[in-house]
């Protein structure tokens, strides 16, 4: 099953840092790109089957560290 989420950040530099960090996450079929503008980052990945998938939790934690939040 595929999951997609978009995060918004106070500045382009924070969004860029998030985007570059997430690119190195170990997640199946991971796709990371800018979203609506250069302050938004869209993330898509496929849930790991048969095990607990902590990818979304890791994304949320990293976004919080960079003063970002999930976009509405």
C-alpha atoms as a PDB file:
ATOM      1  CA  UNK A   1       0.000   0.000   0.000  1.00  0.00           C
ATOM      2  CA  UNK A   2       1.290   3.451  -0.902  1.00  0.00           C
ATOM      3  CA  UNK A   3       1.401   6.382   1.509  1.00  0.00           C
ATOM      4  CA  UNK A   4       1.881  10.044   0.632  1.00  0.00           C
ATOM      5  CA  UNK A   5       2.315  13.032   2.910  1.00  0.00           C
ATOM      6  CA  UNK A   6       3.277  16.669   2.430  1.00  0.00           C
ATOM      7  CA  UNK A   7       5.110  18.875   4.913  1.00  0.00           C
ATOM      8  CA  UNK A   8       5.390  22.654   5.095  1.00  0.00           C
ATOM      9  CA  UNK A   9       8.339  24.578   6.548  1.00  0.00           C
ATOM     10  CA  UNK A  10       8.916  28.215   7.567  1.00  0.00           C
ATOM     11  CA  UNK A  11      11.692  28.634   4.984  1.00  0.00           C
ATOM     12  CA  UNK A  12      13.003  27.139   1.768  1.00  0.00           C
ATOM     13  CA  UNK A  13      16.299  26.222   3.440  1.00  0.00           C
ATOM     14  CA  UNK A  14      14.542  24.110   6.095  1.00  0.00           C
ATOM     15  CA  UNK A  15      12.455  22.396   3.416  1.00  0.00           C
ATOM     16  CA  UNK A  16      15.607  21.723   1.377  1.00  0.00           C
ATOM     17  CA  UNK A  17      17.376  20.219   4.386  1.00  0.00           C
ATOM     18  CA  UNK A  18      14.353  17.973   5.077  1.00  0.00           C
ATOM     19  CA  UNK A  19      14.166  16.902   1.421  1.00  0.00           C
ATOM     20  CA  UNK A  20      17.865  15.996   1.272  1.00  0.00           C
ATOM     21  CA  UNK A  21      17.764  14.099   4.564  1.00  0.00           C
ATOM     22  CA  UNK A  22      14.657  12.100   3.619  1.00  0.00           C
ATOM     23  CA  UNK A  23      16.206  11.067   0.281  1.00  0.00           C
ATOM     24  CA  UNK A  24      18.509   8.791   2.280  1.00  0.00           C
ATOM     25  CA  UNK A  25      15.754   7.073   4.301  1.00  0.00           C
ATOM     26  CA  UNK A  26      15.472   3.344   3.788  1.00  0.00           C
ATOM     27  CA  UNK A  27      11.892   3.043   2.531  1.00  0.00           C
ATOM     28  CA  UNK A  28      10.460   1.060  -0.336  1.00  0.00           C
ATOM     29  CA  UNK A  29       9.721   3.056  -3.520  1.00  0.00           C
ATOM     30  CA  UNK A  30      10.617   6.325  -1.778  1.00  0.00           C
ATOM     31  CA  UNK A  31       9.993   9.496  -3.801  1.00  0.00           C
ATOM     32  CA  UNK A  32      10.730  12.945  -2.371  1.00  0.00           C
ATOM     33  CA  UNK A  33      10.182  16.260  -4.169  1.00  0.00           C
ATOM     34  CA  UNK A  34       9.091  19.828  -3.612  1.00  0.00           C
ATOM     35  CA  UNK A  35       5.332  20.228  -3.296  1.00  0.00           C
ATOM     36  CA  UNK A  36       3.175  23.313  -3.869  1.00  0.00           C
ATOM     37  CA  UNK A  37       6.137  25.674  -3.469  1.00  0.00           C
ATOM     38  CA  UNK A  38       9.742  25.632  -2.286  1.00  0.00           C
ATOM     39  CA  UNK A  39       8.560  25.523   1.348  1.00  0.00           C
ATOM     40  CA  UNK A  40       6.569  22.301   0.815  1.00  0.00           C
ATOM     41  CA  UNK A  41       8.012  18.790   0.499  1.00  0.00           C
ATOM     42  CA  UNK A  42       5.966  15.852  -0.780  1.00  0.00           C
ATOM     43  CA  UNK A  43       6.951  12.311   0.229  1.00  0.00           C
ATOM     44  CA  UNK A  44       5.648   9.039  -1.224  1.00  0.00           C
ATOM     45  CA  UNK A  45       6.610   5.532  -0.219  1.00  0.00           C
ATOM     46  CA  UNK A  46       5.227   2.014   0.018  1.00  0.00           C
ATOM     47  CA  UNK A  47       4.481   0.560   3.465  1.00  0.00           C
ATOM     48  CA  UNK A  48       6.700  -2.341   4.483  1.00  0.00           C
ATOM     49  CA  UNK A  49       4.523  -5.440   4.665  1.00  0.00           C
ATOM     50  CA  UNK A  50       4.795  -8.011   7.419  1.00  0.00           C
ATOM     51  CA  UNK A  51       6.585  -5.712   9.864  1.00  0.00           C
ATOM     52  CA  UNK A  52       6.069  -2.468  11.742  1.00  0.00           C
ATOM     53  CA  UNK A  53       6.783   0.488   9.444  1.00  0.00           C
ATOM     54  CA  UNK A  54       8.116   3.505  11.362  1.00  0.00           C
ATOM     55  CA  UNK A  55       8.707   5.645   8.262  1.00  0.00           C
ATOM     56  CA  UNK A  56       5.861   8.082   8.934  1.00  0.00           C
ATOM     57  CA  UNK A  57       6.945   8.525  12.540  1.00  0.00           C
ATOM     58  CA  UNK A  58      10.527   9.232  11.419  1.00  0.00           C
ATOM     59  CA  UNK A  59       9.271  11.761   8.862  1.00  0.00           C
ATOM     60  CA  UNK A  60       7.152  13.529  11.478  1.00  0.00           C
ATOM     61  CA  UNK A  61      10.044  13.652  13.948  1.00  0.00           C
ATOM     62  CA  UNK A  62      12.451  15.076  11.385  1.00  0.00           C
ATOM     63  CA  UNK A  63       9.910  17.656  10.227  1.00  0.00           C
ATOM     64  CA  UNK A  64       9.366  18.758  13.838  1.00  0.00           C
ATOM     65  CA  UNK A  65      13.123  19.134  14.370  1.00  0.00           C
ATOM     66  CA  UNK A  66      13.205  21.480  11.354  1.00  0.00           C
ATOM     67  CA  UNK A  67      10.142  23.435  12.529  1.00  0.00           C
ATOM     68  CA  UNK A  68       7.902  21.853   9.900  1.00  0.00           C
ATOM     69  CA  UNK A  69       4.520  20.222  10.084  1.00  0.00           C
ATOM     70  CA  UNK A  70       2.224  18.113   7.983  1.00  0.00           C
ATOM     71  CA  UNK A  71       0.444  20.319   5.442  1.00  0.00           C
ATOM     72  CA  UNK A  72      -3.356  20.489   5.567  1.00  0.00           C
END
